[in-house]
């Protein structure tokens, strides 16, 4: 019976860790989007006045929404790569492009990995 308790504890700990990471990421995205909306609204209020700003913002948002929806709907089309459009001579001179599977780690990735390792250590000590 102790084995079932251990398995339940392992299962619950894994999902608690997973939920904490999801909640951390979701909270960051939501607060970032809220800050962007507030900044845009303040800019529109300064530019158009507080009475006309919401209407201007909605009209601009509608245009952007149409653009984004059209872009998402056209995602299935494959365009010809630039390399196929260039001549043979210019192909030999261009720099090597990044191939699938290449790993280039930047500071943001390192910080994210450190945060995940810290969350794992915190969960392991509890």
Protein backbone atom coordinates (compact mmCIF):
# COMPACT_ATOMS: atom_id res chain seq x y z
CA UNK A 1 0.00 0.00 0.00
CA UNK A 2 2.95 2.33 0.58
CA UNK A 3 3.89 1.95 -3.08
CA UNK A 4 0.55 3.42 -4.14
CA UNK A 5 1.13 6.36 -1.80
CA UNK A 6 4.56 6.96 -3.28
CA UNK A 7 3.22 6.74 -6.82
CA UNK A 8 0.42 9.17 -5.96
CA UNK A 9 2.93 11.57 -4.37
CA UNK A 10 5.18 11.36 -7.46
CA UNK A 11 2.21 11.94 -9.77
CA UNK A 12 0.92 14.88 -7.71
CA UNK A 13 4.39 16.45 -7.41
CA UNK A 14 4.94 16.23 -11.16
CA UNK A 15 1.65 17.92 -11.97
CA UNK A 16 2.18 20.54 -9.25
CA UNK A 17 5.53 21.43 -10.83
CA UNK A 18 4.00 21.46 -14.28
CA UNK A 19 1.12 23.67 -13.10
CA UNK A 20 3.54 26.11 -11.42
CA UNK A 21 5.51 26.52 -14.65
CA UNK A 22 2.33 27.01 -16.71
CA UNK A 23 0.95 29.51 -14.19
CA UNK A 24 4.28 31.39 -14.14
CA UNK A 25 4.37 31.66 -17.93
CA UNK A 26 0.68 32.50 -18.29
CA UNK A 27 0.88 35.19 -15.62
CA UNK A 28 3.84 36.79 -17.37
CA UNK A 29 2.11 36.83 -20.74
CA UNK A 30 -1.13 38.24 -19.35
CA UNK A 31 0.59 41.01 -17.40
CA UNK A 32 2.75 41.90 -20.42
CA UNK A 33 -0.28 42.14 -22.70
CA UNK A 34 -2.14 44.25 -20.12
CA UNK A 35 0.82 46.65 -19.87
CA UNK A 36 1.02 46.96 -23.65
CA UNK A 37 -2.72 47.72 -23.87
CA UNK A 38 -2.42 50.40 -21.18
CA UNK A 39 0.56 52.04 -22.88
CA UNK A 40 -1.20 52.04 -26.27
CA UNK A 41 -4.35 53.49 -24.70
CA UNK A 42 -2.34 56.24 -23.00
CA UNK A 43 -0.63 57.12 -26.29
CA UNK A 44 -3.97 57.24 -28.09
CA UNK A 45 -5.43 59.41 -25.31
CA UNK A 46 -2.58 61.91 -25.64
CA UNK A 47 -2.84 61.91 -29.41
CA UNK A 48 -6.61 62.00 -29.97
CA UNK A 49 -8.05 63.02 -26.59
CA UNK A 50 -9.83 60.81 -24.11
CA UNK A 51 -13.20 60.97 -25.91
CA UNK A 52 -11.99 60.02 -29.38
CA UNK A 53 -9.21 57.60 -28.33
CA UNK A 54 -11.36 54.45 -27.85
CA UNK A 55 -12.97 54.81 -31.30
CA UNK A 56 -9.59 55.35 -32.97
CA UNK A 57 -8.11 52.40 -31.12
CA UNK A 58 -10.99 50.14 -32.19
CA UNK A 59 -10.69 51.20 -35.83
CA UNK A 60 -6.94 50.46 -35.83
CA UNK A 61 -7.48 47.18 -33.99
CA UNK A 62 -10.04 46.08 -36.59
CA UNK A 63 -7.53 46.61 -39.40
CA UNK A 64 -4.85 44.71 -37.55
CA UNK A 65 -7.30 41.89 -36.77
CA UNK A 66 -8.17 41.53 -40.47
CA UNK A 67 -4.47 41.43 -41.32
CA UNK A 68 -3.70 38.83 -38.64
CA UNK A 69 -6.67 36.65 -39.62
CA UNK A 70 -5.63 36.72 -43.28
CA UNK A 71 -2.07 35.86 -42.34
CA UNK A 72 -3.20 32.89 -40.23
CA UNK A 73 -5.49 31.62 -42.98
CA UNK A 74 -2.71 31.74 -45.59
CA UNK A 75 -0.29 29.71 -43.46
CA UNK A 76 -0.55 26.58 -45.64
CA UNK A 77 1.06 28.14 -48.71
CA UNK A 78 4.71 27.37 -49.24
CA UNK A 79 6.75 30.06 -50.94
CA UNK A 80 9.85 29.40 -52.94
CA UNK A 81 13.02 30.02 -50.90
CA UNK A 82 15.25 32.92 -51.87
CA UNK A 83 18.07 30.49 -52.76
CA UNK A 84 16.00 29.05 -55.62
CA UNK A 85 15.35 32.52 -57.04
CA UNK A 86 19.00 33.52 -57.19
CA UNK A 87 21.49 32.55 -59.86
CA UNK A 88 24.11 29.85 -59.42
CA UNK A 89 26.91 32.40 -59.06
CA UNK A 90 25.42 34.19 -56.11
CA UNK A 91 24.64 30.93 -54.31
CA UNK A 92 28.30 30.15 -53.76
CA UNK A 93 28.93 33.59 -52.24
CA UNK A 94 26.12 33.68 -49.71
CA UNK A 95 26.69 32.71 -46.10
CA UNK A 96 25.56 29.36 -44.81
CA UNK A 97 22.04 29.52 -43.46
CA UNK A 98 20.83 28.01 -40.26
CA UNK A 99 19.69 24.44 -40.74
CA UNK A 100 16.96 22.62 -38.79
CA UNK A 101 18.48 21.20 -35.64
CA UNK A 102 21.10 23.94 -35.20
CA UNK A 103 21.30 25.01 -31.58
CA UNK A 104 22.19 28.59 -30.75
CA UNK A 105 21.65 29.49 -27.13
CA UNK A 106 21.13 33.13 -26.21
CA UNK A 107 20.82 34.84 -22.84
CA UNK A 108 17.03 34.52 -22.76
CA UNK A 109 17.22 30.76 -23.23
CA UNK A 110 19.86 30.46 -20.51
CA UNK A 111 17.73 32.48 -18.08
CA UNK A 112 14.67 30.35 -18.85
CA UNK A 113 16.64 27.15 -18.27
CA UNK A 114 18.01 28.53 -14.99
CA UNK A 115 14.48 29.43 -13.88
CA UNK A 116 13.22 25.93 -14.69
CA UNK A 117 16.15 24.37 -12.82
CA UNK A 118 15.40 26.60 -9.82
CA UNK A 119 11.73 25.61 -9.84
CA UNK A 120 12.78 21.95 -10.02
CA UNK A 121 15.12 22.40 -7.05
CA UNK A 122 12.42 24.15 -5.04
CA UNK A 123 9.96 21.38 -5.82
CA UNK A 124 12.56 18.75 -4.92
CA UNK A 125 13.21 20.29 -1.49
CA UNK A 126 9.53 20.55 -0.54
